[in-house]
Structure formats: structure tokens, C-alpha cells
């Protein structure tokens, strides 16, 4: 059983390395990462994400002024029902503001998580291993 858990953790760590690398490439192209809260932002930074991270609380008021002119917004809300609803809501809001959005990375994370984690902030437990 422990070997199975070790294999699962190794698979998740390998995925997160590539995932973070891909997010960093998108950030270099001008994409901004939108997460739910500060702990989510901290988790992404601990994984090695080097781009701009915004939290939902930062998007109050004038969305365009708060975001500037990014290439687009990567929406990475939690992988639960509430996160899905928030992702749909902010996709509508940001699209209405004329911004390009993507949920592809959230979907990719959802498929890869296979129930190992549901909250973005919990990704930080893999940080030491994935940031190598």
C-alpha cells in the first residue's frame, strides 16, 4: 500500500513540475494567473510559479485597472463545486471586460489530481519536491 502511495505522490510531483513550467511559459507570454485566495497564491509561488498571481479579492471594482493589459487570464480556482462556479463567474466577468480567459489549465489539473487534492492551497505540500 505504501508503494502505491509513493507512486501516486511521485506521479503528482512529476505532473506539477511540468504544469508549473507550462504556467511559467504562459506568464512569460503575458498571461496572469487568477486564484481564489492568498494561500492559493502562496502555494503557486512555492511550486515555482514566477508570473503575476492575482486573487479574486483584488478584482473588486475596475477589473481592467486592476489587471492592466495582460495577454489573458488563467483561471485556476479550487477543484470543487464552489471553485467551478467561481471559475464560470469570473470567465463571464473577464470576457465581458474584453479579456481572453482560459480554464484549460484548471481542467488539466482537475484530471491529473484524480482526487489527491481539491484545493489549490494544498499543492504547497508538494512544493519541496516539485521545485527541484
Protein backbone atom coordinates (compact mmCIF):
# COMPACT_ATOMS: atom_id res chain seq x y z
CA UNK A 1 0.00 0.00 0.00
CA UNK A 2 2.82 2.43 0.87
CA UNK A 3 4.43 1.79 -2.50
CA UNK A 4 1.18 2.73 -4.21
CA UNK A 5 1.03 5.98 -2.23
CA UNK A 6 4.66 6.71 -3.09
CA UNK A 7 3.94 6.08 -6.77
CA UNK A 8 0.90 8.36 -6.65
CA UNK A 9 2.90 11.12 -4.97
CA UNK A 10 5.71 10.72 -7.48
CA UNK A 11 3.22 10.97 -10.36
CA UNK A 12 1.68 14.12 -8.86
CA UNK A 13 5.09 15.71 -8.32
CA UNK A 14 6.15 14.95 -11.91
CA UNK A 15 2.90 16.41 -13.21
CA UNK A 16 3.25 19.56 -11.06
CA UNK A 17 6.78 20.17 -12.35
CA UNK A 18 5.55 20.19 -15.94
CA UNK A 19 2.38 22.06 -15.04
CA UNK A 20 4.30 24.85 -13.31
CA UNK A 21 6.78 25.02 -16.18
CA UNK A 22 3.90 25.43 -18.63
CA UNK A 23 2.31 28.14 -16.47
CA UNK A 24 5.66 29.96 -16.36
CA UNK A 25 5.85 29.85 -20.17
CA UNK A 26 2.36 31.36 -20.35
CA UNK A 27 3.37 34.01 -17.81
CA UNK A 28 6.36 34.91 -19.97
CA UNK A 29 3.89 35.47 -22.81
CA UNK A 30 1.91 37.92 -20.66
CA UNK A 31 -0.74 35.71 -19.07
CA UNK A 32 -1.83 36.42 -15.48
CA UNK A 33 -2.86 33.70 -13.02
CA UNK A 34 -6.11 34.20 -11.07
CA UNK A 35 -6.63 32.16 -7.89
CA UNK A 36 -9.18 32.32 -5.10
CA UNK A 37 -7.14 33.48 -2.13
CA UNK A 38 -3.76 34.39 -0.73
CA UNK A 39 -2.97 30.83 0.40
CA UNK A 40 -3.59 29.66 -3.17
CA UNK A 41 -1.25 32.37 -4.46
CA UNK A 42 1.41 31.34 -1.92
CA UNK A 43 1.05 27.68 -2.91
CA UNK A 44 1.59 28.50 -6.57
CA UNK A 45 4.68 30.58 -5.76
CA UNK A 46 6.02 27.75 -3.57
CA UNK A 47 5.71 25.40 -6.57
CA UNK A 48 7.95 27.72 -8.55
CA UNK A 49 5.41 29.82 -10.45
CA UNK A 50 7.17 33.08 -11.33
CA UNK A 51 4.39 35.06 -13.03
CA UNK A 52 1.82 37.53 -11.76
CA UNK A 53 -0.72 35.98 -9.40
CA UNK A 54 -3.94 37.80 -8.56
CA UNK A 55 -6.58 36.78 -6.05
CA UNK A 56 -10.30 37.18 -6.54
CA UNK A 57 -10.39 39.86 -3.83
CA UNK A 58 -8.06 42.02 -5.97
CA UNK A 59 -10.65 42.11 -8.76
CA UNK A 60 -13.17 44.28 -7.00
CA UNK A 61 -14.18 47.47 -8.75
CA UNK A 62 -12.50 48.32 -12.02
CA UNK A 63 -11.30 44.96 -13.31
CA UNK A 64 -9.35 46.41 -16.22
CA UNK A 65 -7.48 48.85 -13.97
CA UNK A 66 -6.58 46.04 -11.55
CA UNK A 67 -5.38 43.70 -14.28
CA UNK A 68 -3.72 46.08 -16.69
CA UNK A 69 -3.38 44.66 -20.18
CA UNK A 70 -2.40 41.00 -19.91
CA UNK A 71 -2.40 38.64 -22.87
CA UNK A 72 -5.06 36.73 -20.97
CA UNK A 73 -6.11 35.36 -17.60
CA UNK A 74 -5.55 31.77 -16.48
CA UNK A 75 -8.40 30.98 -14.08
CA UNK A 76 -7.23 28.43 -11.51
CA UNK A 77 -9.90 28.14 -8.84
CA UNK A 78 -10.27 25.19 -6.48
CA UNK A 79 -11.34 21.89 -8.00
CA UNK A 80 -14.60 21.63 -6.05
CA UNK A 81 -18.15 22.75 -6.84
CA UNK A 82 -17.61 26.26 -5.44
CA UNK A 83 -14.41 26.63 -7.46
CA UNK A 84 -16.24 25.55 -10.61
CA UNK A 85 -18.94 28.15 -10.01
CA UNK A 86 -16.35 30.86 -9.34
CA UNK A 87 -14.45 29.91 -12.49
CA UNK A 88 -17.61 30.22 -14.58
CA UNK A 89 -18.50 33.55 -12.95
CA UNK A 90 -15.08 35.12 -13.48
CA UNK A 91 -14.87 33.77 -17.02
CA UNK A 92 -18.06 35.70 -17.78
CA UNK A 93 -16.89 38.85 -15.99
CA UNK A 94 -13.45 38.93 -17.61
CA UNK A 95 -14.75 38.05 -21.06
CA UNK A 96 -17.29 40.85 -20.73
CA UNK A 97 -14.35 43.17 -19.98
CA UNK A 98 -12.78 42.09 -23.26
CA UNK A 99 -10.12 39.85 -21.74
CA UNK A 100 -9.13 36.45 -23.03
CA UNK A 101 -9.55 33.73 -20.40
CA UNK A 102 -8.64 30.07 -20.19
CA UNK A 103 -9.88 27.25 -18.00
CA UNK A 104 -7.69 24.70 -19.79
CA UNK A 105 -5.06 24.62 -17.05
CA UNK A 106 -7.74 24.20 -14.37
CA UNK A 107 -9.23 21.27 -16.31
CA UNK A 108 -5.78 19.79 -16.78
CA UNK A 109 -5.14 20.00 -13.04
CA UNK A 110 -8.56 18.50 -12.28
CA UNK A 111 -7.88 15.45 -14.47
CA UNK A 112 -4.38 14.96 -13.06
CA UNK A 113 -5.47 15.40 -9.44
CA UNK A 114 -7.53 12.20 -9.51
CA UNK A 115 -8.90 13.15 -6.08
CA UNK A 116 -5.46 13.60 -4.49
CA UNK A 117 -6.23 17.27 -3.85
CA UNK A 118 -9.18 19.60 -4.40
CA UNK A 119 -7.83 22.92 -3.15
CA UNK A 120 -5.04 24.88 -4.81
CA UNK A 121 -3.55 25.78 -1.43
CA UNK A 122 -2.92 22.06 -0.78
CA UNK A 123 -0.49 21.96 -3.69
CA UNK A 124 2.08 23.55 -1.40
CA UNK A 125 2.61 20.18 0.29
CA UNK A 126 4.29 19.04 -2.93
CA UNK A 127 6.40 22.20 -3.22
CA UNK A 128 9.72 20.98 -1.86
CA UNK A 129 9.77 18.03 -4.22
CA UNK A 130 8.44 19.72 -7.35
CA UNK A 131 10.54 22.90 -7.30
CA UNK A 132 13.84 20.97 -7.59
